[in-house]
Protein backbone atom coordinates (compact mmCIF):
# COMPACT_ATOMS: atom_id res chain seq x y z
CA MET A 1 -73.30 186.91 81.25
CA ALA A 2 -74.61 190.20 82.60
CA THR A 3 -77.69 191.50 80.79
CA GLY A 4 -78.46 194.61 82.80
CA ILE A 5 -81.75 195.52 84.46
CA ARG A 6 -83.78 196.73 81.51
CA ASP A 7 -87.52 196.31 82.22
CA LYS A 8 -86.89 194.16 85.30
CA VAL A 9 -87.95 196.79 87.84
CA ALA A 10 -90.99 199.10 87.91
CA ILE A 11 -91.46 202.37 89.76
CA ILE A 12 -94.89 202.21 91.43
CA GLY A 13 -94.79 205.38 93.49
CA MET A 14 -92.87 208.62 93.93
CA GLY A 15 -93.02 211.67 96.14
CA CYS A 16 -91.22 215.00 96.34
CA THR A 17 -91.29 217.91 98.73
CA ARG A 18 -91.38 221.54 97.77
CA PHE A 19 -87.74 222.60 97.53
CA GLY A 20 -86.55 225.86 99.02
CA GLU A 21 -85.53 227.52 102.25
CA ARG A 22 -87.56 225.21 104.44
CA TRP A 23 -87.08 226.93 107.78
CA ASP A 24 -90.31 225.28 108.92
CA MET A 25 -88.90 221.76 108.71
CA GLY A 26 -85.88 219.68 109.61
CA ALA A 27 -84.54 216.80 107.55
CA GLU A 28 -86.83 214.43 109.45
CA GLU A 29 -90.02 216.29 108.47
CA LEU A 30 -88.84 216.61 104.87
CA MET A 31 -88.37 212.84 104.71
CA VAL A 32 -91.90 212.30 106.01
CA GLU A 33 -93.37 214.77 103.49
CA ALA A 34 -91.80 213.00 100.50
CA TYR A 35 -92.53 209.53 101.88
CA THR A 36 -96.21 210.29 102.55
CA GLU A 37 -96.82 211.33 98.93
CA CYS A 38 -94.81 208.36 97.65
CA LEU A 39 -96.67 205.80 99.76
CA GLN A 40 -100.06 207.16 98.73
CA ASP A 41 -99.01 207.19 95.08
CA ALA A 42 -97.85 203.57 95.26
CA GLY A 43 -101.02 202.43 97.02
CA ILE A 44 -99.22 200.14 99.44
CA GLU A 45 -98.68 199.97 103.20
CA PRO A 46 -95.38 200.28 105.09
CA LYS A 47 -95.46 196.56 105.88
CA ASP A 48 -95.13 195.84 102.15
CA ILE A 49 -91.66 197.43 101.96
CA GLY A 50 -88.89 194.84 102.23
CA ALA A 51 -85.82 197.11 102.44
CA ALA A 52 -84.91 200.76 102.14
CA TRP A 53 -81.99 203.00 101.12
CA LEU A 54 -81.26 206.54 102.33
CA GLY A 55 -79.15 208.90 100.23
CA THR A 56 -77.63 211.92 101.96
CA CYS A 57 -74.25 213.63 101.59
CA TYR A 58 -73.33 215.82 104.55
CA GLU A 59 -73.57 213.69 107.65
CA GLU A 60 -72.14 216.42 109.87
CA ILE A 61 -75.01 218.86 109.35
CA ASN A 62 -77.81 216.62 108.20
CA VAL A 63 -79.07 213.28 109.54
CA GLY A 64 -75.90 211.67 110.91
CA LYS A 65 -73.82 208.71 109.84
CA SER A 66 -76.37 205.88 109.98
CA ALA A 67 -79.68 205.02 108.33
CA LEU A 68 -81.56 205.10 111.63
CA PRO A 69 -83.18 208.52 110.94
CA LEU A 70 -84.99 206.98 107.96
CA SER A 71 -86.22 203.86 109.74
CA MET A 72 -87.25 205.77 112.87
CA ASN A 73 -88.94 208.75 111.27
CA LEU A 74 -90.84 206.66 108.74
CA ARG A 75 -91.55 203.95 111.32
CA LEU A 76 -90.29 201.28 108.95
CA PRO A 77 -91.10 197.85 110.47
CA PHE A 78 -87.64 196.53 111.51
CA ILE A 79 -86.45 196.09 107.91
CA PRO A 80 -82.92 196.50 106.48
CA VAL A 81 -82.12 200.18 105.88
CA THR A 82 -78.84 201.36 104.35
CA ARG A 83 -77.38 204.87 104.16
CA VAL A 84 -75.37 205.65 101.03
CA GLU A 85 -73.32 208.68 99.96
CA ASN A 86 -71.64 209.38 96.65
CA TYR A 87 -71.33 213.15 96.39
CA CYS A 88 -74.08 214.62 94.19
CA ALA A 89 -75.10 211.16 92.99
CA SER A 90 -76.22 210.16 96.51
CA GLY A 91 -79.95 210.20 95.69
CA THR A 92 -79.51 208.12 92.55
CA GLU A 93 -77.22 205.80 94.52
CA ALA A 94 -80.08 205.13 96.96
CA PHE A 95 -82.31 204.43 93.96
CA ARG A 96 -79.70 202.10 92.49
CA GLY A 97 -79.57 200.10 95.73
CA ALA A 98 -83.34 199.66 95.81
CA VAL A 99 -83.56 198.78 92.12
CA TYR A 100 -80.74 196.24 92.25
CA ALA A 101 -82.25 194.61 95.35
CA VAL A 102 -85.53 194.04 93.51
CA ALA A 103 -83.82 192.95 90.28
CA SER A 104 -81.76 190.39 92.20
CA GLY A 105 -84.85 188.80 93.70
CA ALA A 106 -83.76 189.60 97.25
CA TYR A 107 -86.89 191.67 97.87
CA ASP A 108 -90.23 192.24 96.17
CA THR A 109 -90.61 195.91 97.04
CA CYS A 110 -88.00 198.49 98.10
CA LEU A 111 -87.85 202.16 98.96
CA ALA A 112 -85.26 204.80 98.08
CA LEU A 113 -85.25 208.23 99.69
CA GLY A 114 -82.89 211.17 99.35
CA VAL A 115 -82.76 214.20 101.63
CA GLU A 116 -80.52 217.13 102.45
CA LYS A 117 -81.07 220.00 104.85
CA LEU A 118 -78.57 222.77 104.03
CA LYS A 119 -80.19 226.09 104.85
CA ASP A 120 -79.81 225.98 108.63
CA THR A 121 -76.01 226.22 108.61
CA GLY A 122 -75.82 229.99 108.26
CA PHE A 123 -73.54 229.55 105.23
CA GLY A 124 -74.53 230.90 101.83
CA GLY A 125 -73.03 228.12 99.72
CA LEU A 126 -72.43 224.41 100.08
CA PRO A 127 -70.29 223.40 103.06
CA ASN A 128 -66.85 222.26 102.02
CA MET A 129 -65.98 218.59 102.26
CA VAL A 130 -62.79 218.88 104.29
CA ALA A 131 -64.15 216.23 106.65
CA SER A 132 -64.09 213.61 103.89
CA ASN A 133 -60.93 211.89 102.69
CA VAL A 134 -61.33 212.98 99.07
CA GLY A 135 -62.41 216.45 100.15
CA SER A 136 -59.29 216.80 102.27
CA LEU A 137 -57.07 215.83 99.35
CA ILE A 138 -58.73 218.39 97.06
CA TRP A 139 -58.49 221.25 99.51
CA LEU A 140 -54.90 220.45 100.50
CA TRP A 141 -53.98 220.28 96.84
CA ASN A 142 -55.64 223.60 96.02
CA PRO A 143 -56.95 225.41 99.10
CA ASN A 144 -58.13 228.43 97.09
CA MET A 145 -60.34 226.41 94.75
CA SER A 146 -64.07 227.14 94.72
CA ALA A 147 -66.90 225.41 92.89
CA PRO A 148 -67.68 228.42 90.65
CA GLY A 149 -63.96 228.88 90.00
CA SER A 150 -63.32 225.31 88.91
CA PHE A 151 -66.39 225.16 86.67
CA ALA A 152 -65.55 228.55 85.19
CA GLN A 153 -62.31 226.96 83.98
CA LEU A 154 -64.45 224.36 82.23
CA ALA A 155 -66.13 227.19 80.32
CA THR A 156 -62.90 228.84 79.25
CA ALA A 157 -61.38 225.50 78.25
CA TYR A 158 -64.43 224.71 76.12
CA ALA A 159 -64.32 228.12 74.44
CA ALA A 160 -60.59 227.79 73.74
CA LYS A 161 -60.82 224.28 72.30
CA TYR A 162 -63.72 224.99 69.96
CA ARG A 163 -62.85 228.64 69.30
CA VAL A 164 -66.18 229.94 70.52
CA ALA A 165 -66.29 233.72 70.68
CA ASP A 166 -66.68 235.18 74.15
CA GLN A 167 -70.12 236.73 73.53
CA ASP A 168 -71.38 233.57 71.80
CA LEU A 169 -70.38 231.45 74.78
CA LYS A 170 -71.92 233.82 77.31
CA ARG A 171 -75.15 234.03 75.33
CA ALA A 172 -75.33 230.24 74.91
CA ILE A 173 -74.90 229.53 78.62
CA ALA A 174 -77.33 232.36 79.41
CA GLN A 175 -79.91 230.58 77.25
CA VAL A 176 -79.37 227.45 79.36
CA SER A 177 -80.48 229.39 82.44
CA VAL A 178 -83.30 231.25 80.67
CA LYS A 179 -84.80 227.97 79.50
CA SER A 180 -84.64 226.44 82.97
CA HIS A 181 -86.19 229.46 84.68
CA GLU A 182 -89.03 229.42 82.17
CA ASN A 183 -89.71 225.77 82.97
CA GLY A 184 -89.34 226.29 86.72
CA SER A 185 -91.91 229.08 86.67
CA ARG A 186 -94.50 226.39 85.88
CA ASN A 187 -93.55 224.13 88.78
CA PRO A 188 -95.13 224.71 92.21
CA LYS A 189 -92.42 222.63 93.92
CA ALA A 190 -89.50 224.66 92.57
CA HIS A 191 -87.53 227.07 94.77
CA LEU A 192 -87.19 229.83 92.14
CA ARG A 193 -90.27 230.49 90.00
CA LYS A 194 -89.63 233.67 88.03
CA PRO A 195 -88.71 233.71 84.33
CA VAL A 196 -85.61 235.69 83.34
CA THR A 197 -84.36 237.10 80.04
CA ILE A 198 -81.03 236.59 78.32
CA GLU A 199 -80.32 240.27 78.89
CA GLN A 200 -80.86 239.89 82.65
CA VAL A 201 -78.61 236.84 82.81
CA MET A 202 -75.81 238.45 80.82
CA ALA A 203 -75.97 241.66 82.86
CA ALA A 204 -75.86 239.88 86.24
CA PRO A 205 -72.81 240.22 88.52
CA ILE A 206 -69.92 237.92 87.65
CA ILE A 207 -69.18 235.18 90.19
CA ALA A 208 -66.24 233.52 88.40
CA TYR A 209 -65.69 234.62 84.80
CA PRO A 210 -67.55 233.90 82.57
CA LEU A 211 -70.17 232.60 85.05
CA GLY A 212 -72.56 235.18 86.42
CA LEU A 213 -75.10 234.99 89.22
CA PHE A 214 -77.76 233.32 87.07
CA ASP A 215 -75.27 230.70 85.86
CA CYS A 216 -74.99 229.18 89.35
CA CYS A 217 -77.59 227.03 91.07
CA GLY A 218 -78.74 227.91 94.55
CA VAL A 219 -78.72 226.11 97.88
CA SER A 220 -81.95 224.67 99.22
CA ASP A 221 -83.60 222.01 101.36
CA GLY A 222 -85.63 219.09 100.00
CA SER A 223 -86.40 215.41 99.83
CA ALA A 224 -87.65 212.94 97.22
CA CYS A 225 -88.68 209.30 97.40
CA ALA A 226 -89.38 206.28 95.17
CA ILE A 227 -90.88 202.82 95.69
CA VAL A 228 -89.92 200.07 93.24
CA THR A 229 -91.05 196.49 92.69
CA THR A 230 -91.00 193.81 90.01
CA VAL A 231 -92.88 194.41 86.78
CA GLU A 232 -94.99 191.33 87.49
CA LYS A 233 -96.02 192.58 90.92
CA ALA A 234 -96.75 196.05 89.55
CA MET A 235 -99.14 194.54 87.03
CA GLU A 236 -100.78 192.43 89.74
CA MET A 237 -101.45 195.71 91.54
CA GLY A 238 -103.32 197.00 88.50
CA LYS A 239 -100.54 199.10 87.01
CA LYS A 240 -100.95 197.79 83.47
CA ASN A 241 -98.28 199.89 81.80
CA PRO A 242 -95.83 200.83 84.56
CA VAL A 243 -92.79 203.09 84.37
CA THR A 244 -89.75 200.81 84.29
CA VAL A 245 -86.02 201.30 84.70
CA LYS A 246 -84.27 200.88 81.35
CA ALA A 247 -80.70 201.52 82.56
CA LEU A 248 -78.69 202.51 85.62
CA GLN A 249 -75.00 203.24 85.26
CA LEU A 250 -72.32 204.74 87.47
CA ALA A 251 -68.81 205.91 86.59
CA LEU A 252 -66.11 207.34 88.86
CA SER A 253 -62.95 209.16 87.87
CA SER A 254 -59.84 207.03 87.82
CA GLY A 255 -57.50 210.01 88.07
CA GLU A 256 -56.87 209.86 84.34
CA GLU A 257 -57.93 213.48 83.87
CA MET A 258 -55.08 214.74 86.05
CA GLY A 259 -52.60 211.97 85.35
CA PHE A 260 -52.31 212.30 81.57
CA ASN A 261 -52.36 215.06 78.97
CA GLU A 262 -55.16 213.81 76.70
CA TRP A 263 -57.94 215.68 78.55
CA ASP A 264 -58.36 219.33 77.58
CA GLY A 265 -60.49 220.28 80.58
CA ASP A 266 -63.46 220.96 78.30
CA HIS A 267 -65.80 218.08 79.27
CA PHE A 268 -66.40 215.24 81.74
CA MET A 269 -64.79 211.92 80.96
CA THR A 270 -67.06 210.09 83.42
CA THR A 271 -70.26 211.24 81.70
CA ASP A 272 -68.84 210.42 78.27
CA ARG A 273 -68.20 206.80 79.28
CA CYS A 274 -71.20 206.35 81.56
CA SER A 275 -73.69 207.47 78.91
CA VAL A 276 -72.41 204.95 76.37
CA LYS A 277 -72.96 202.10 78.83
CA ALA A 278 -76.40 203.42 79.77
CA TYR A 279 -77.53 203.56 76.15
CA GLN A 280 -76.27 200.04 75.54
CA GLU A 281 -78.18 198.75 78.57
CA ALA A 282 -81.37 200.56 77.50
CA GLY A 283 -81.08 199.46 73.86
CA ILE A 284 -80.84 203.05 72.60
CA LYS A 285 -78.95 203.45 69.33
CA ASN A 286 -79.40 207.15 68.55
CA PRO A 287 -79.89 209.23 71.72
CA ARG A 288 -80.41 212.51 69.82
CA GLU A 289 -83.48 210.95 68.18
CA GLU A 290 -84.66 208.56 70.90
CA ILE A 291 -84.30 210.43 74.20
CA SER A 292 -87.53 212.36 74.83
CA MET A 293 -86.46 214.52 77.80
CA MET A 294 -83.66 214.97 80.31
CA GLU A 295 -82.82 216.23 83.76
CA VAL A 296 -79.07 216.81 83.92
CA HIS A 297 -76.73 218.14 86.59
CA ASP A 298 -76.84 221.89 86.02
CA CYS A 299 -74.90 223.00 89.09
CA PHE A 300 -73.61 225.65 86.68
CA SER A 301 -74.98 226.51 83.25
CA ILE A 302 -71.71 225.49 81.56
CA THR A 303 -71.93 222.08 83.23
CA GLU A 304 -75.28 221.48 81.58
CA MET A 305 -74.06 222.68 78.22
CA VAL A 306 -71.00 220.44 78.00
CA THR A 307 -73.11 217.54 79.29
CA TYR A 308 -75.20 217.78 76.11
CA GLU A 309 -72.08 216.63 74.29
CA ASP A 310 -70.94 214.08 76.87
CA LEU A 311 -74.38 212.46 76.55
CA HIS A 312 -73.75 212.22 72.78
CA ILE A 313 -76.81 214.27 71.93
CA SER A 314 -75.00 217.35 70.64
CA GLU A 315 -71.91 216.94 68.48
CA ARG A 316 -68.57 217.92 70.01
CA GLY A 317 -68.16 221.68 69.83
CA LYS A 318 -71.80 222.21 68.77
CA ALA A 319 -73.70 222.27 72.07
CA TRP A 320 -73.55 226.06 72.28
CA LYS A 321 -75.26 226.31 68.91
CA ASP A 322 -77.95 223.80 69.90
CA SER A 323 -78.55 225.82 73.05
CA LEU A 324 -79.05 229.05 71.11
CA ASP A 325 -81.26 227.27 68.56
CA GLY A 326 -83.66 226.14 71.31
CA PHE A 327 -82.96 222.44 70.80
CA TYR A 328 -83.21 221.83 74.56
CA ASN A 329 -86.15 224.16 75.25
CA ILE A 330 -89.42 222.69 76.45
CA ASP A 331 -90.75 222.92 72.88
CA GLY A 332 -87.45 221.75 71.37
CA LYS A 333 -86.32 218.34 70.14
CA VAL A 334 -84.92 217.11 73.50
CA PRO A 335 -86.33 219.23 76.36
CA CYS A 336 -83.87 219.52 79.23
CA GLN A 337 -84.62 220.55 82.83
CA VAL A 338 -88.34 220.21 82.19
CA ASP A 339 -89.08 220.91 85.86
CA GLY A 340 -86.57 223.78 86.19
CA GLY A 341 -83.51 221.73 87.10
CA LEU A 342 -81.03 222.46 89.87
CA LYS A 343 -81.13 226.05 88.64
CA CYS A 344 -84.67 226.47 89.97
CA PHE A 345 -84.82 223.74 92.63
CA GLY A 346 -81.42 224.34 94.18
CA HIS A 347 -79.28 221.40 95.14
CA PRO A 348 -80.04 219.61 98.42
CA ILE A 349 -77.50 217.01 97.43
CA GLY A 350 -79.01 213.73 98.59
CA ALA A 351 -82.40 214.62 97.13
CA SER A 352 -81.48 215.87 93.64
CA GLY A 353 -81.18 212.54 91.79
CA LEU A 354 -84.57 211.32 92.99
CA ARG A 355 -86.12 214.74 92.34
CA MET A 356 -85.01 214.40 88.72
CA LEU A 357 -86.56 210.93 88.48
CA TYR A 358 -89.77 212.30 89.98
CA GLU A 359 -90.22 214.64 87.01
CA MET A 360 -89.49 211.88 84.49
CA TYR A 361 -92.02 209.65 86.28
CA LEU A 362 -94.73 212.33 86.16
CA GLN A 363 -94.04 213.10 82.51
CA LEU A 364 -94.22 209.46 81.44
CA GLN A 365 -97.56 209.08 83.21
CA GLY A 366 -98.97 212.29 81.73
CA ARG A 367 -99.23 213.94 85.16
CA ALA A 368 -96.95 216.97 84.72
CA GLU A 369 -99.81 219.44 84.22
CA ASP A 370 -98.83 222.51 82.19
CA ARG A 371 -95.25 221.24 81.83
CA GLN A 372 -96.49 218.05 80.18
CA LEU A 373 -94.63 216.96 77.04
CA PRO A 374 -96.42 215.13 74.22
CA ASN A 375 -95.92 211.35 74.28
CA PRO A 376 -92.49 211.03 75.92
CA ARG A 377 -90.83 207.63 75.52
CA TYR A 378 -87.46 207.74 77.31
CA GLY A 379 -86.46 210.04 80.16
CA LEU A 380 -82.81 210.41 81.22
CA THR A 381 -81.41 211.73 84.49
CA HIS A 382 -77.78 212.62 85.09
CA ASN A 383 -75.87 213.48 88.26
CA LEU A 384 -72.31 214.74 88.48
CA GLY A 385 -70.54 215.09 91.81
CA GLY A 386 -67.12 216.45 92.70
CA VAL A 387 -65.09 218.77 90.48
CA PRO A 388 -64.28 218.64 86.74
CA PHE A 389 -61.05 216.68 87.24
CA MET A 390 -62.30 214.30 89.94
CA ASN A 391 -65.96 213.34 89.82
CA VAL A 392 -68.75 210.81 90.07
CA CYS A 393 -71.35 210.39 87.32
CA SER A 394 -74.62 208.47 87.53
CA ILE A 395 -77.19 208.08 84.75
CA ALA A 396 -80.66 206.58 84.87
CA ILE A 397 -82.98 206.00 81.92
CA VAL A 398 -86.66 205.26 82.49
CA GLY A 399 -89.65 204.66 80.22
CA MET A 400 -93.00 202.97 80.00
CA TYR A 401 -92.97 199.18 79.99
CA ARG A 402 -93.05 197.83 76.42
């Protein structure tokens, strides 16, 4: 009978580049930057790594179709290296491969790295995914669809279902962005580091009603990396109370959202189901009381807000009130986007999931400097890739070994 991976795998090292418009580096140099910090943090040598996973999304403009760029640029010693892609969950998917390999006993120590280089394309937003099979289906089905447009519909559906007044909704999602910018201003690795006010956010140009400029995350370059091993080996290395993986879950749309009439377009069915399985695996009974901090997929401010409910932390129809009440602020009950989130880091797709884990790892070890939270126990990361009616959700929960 499956028992999950709770406390079977420890994170012994992590690294993360500065995110931003990295004109000075290609994807290869970004990988090396993250890997160098990660290797030093773990205190091991390259020969100790048994296998590696590379997460990256856009093969056409990034590192190509294979995993060779990782093995060659990091000079990994003729070990198995696998490239994975799962939309915006690509970084967490690389982490999942490394964690499962260690948990299975196939390897003692594995590496996961995510990278994406997007700023050299000359395009202001994310490239479309027409080259992929699923991307082709989406764009043939609705060629005029845009990411802001589809997520704006999520906002209007949420407001209609729960009868949230227009100004209340706009102010609540503005607070989501204000909170993240405040946190990001404290993080030297963030792309955007200036606080903003609710008034600035609400007065910004509209991109797709009701989402304004500050409700949309930017595009950036970056990389993040993790090294994992068994708890026993971590302790042998002198890491007496290591950060361990409590849960890793993945859920993909089945088409139910579009195929039936029970979905109101106001939330994400994948996150709703994935979070329940993650809590069961981690042994968490009451996430609103037990989760200490979160990094969730805030590609748009409304995405973050409805995710509060899909993660079963806010009650259905009450997330907008929790947002306005400061529940998810850095000094609130469950701080969210402690490092600034996608809103301040941007979204180099393959790197985002591991970047989120990097912040949870630092927080649990008390190494987050002036962002540090008092005595965090569980950290949750959440990725959502695709569009509201066809998406991929991955959730990781980490904490100190107990």
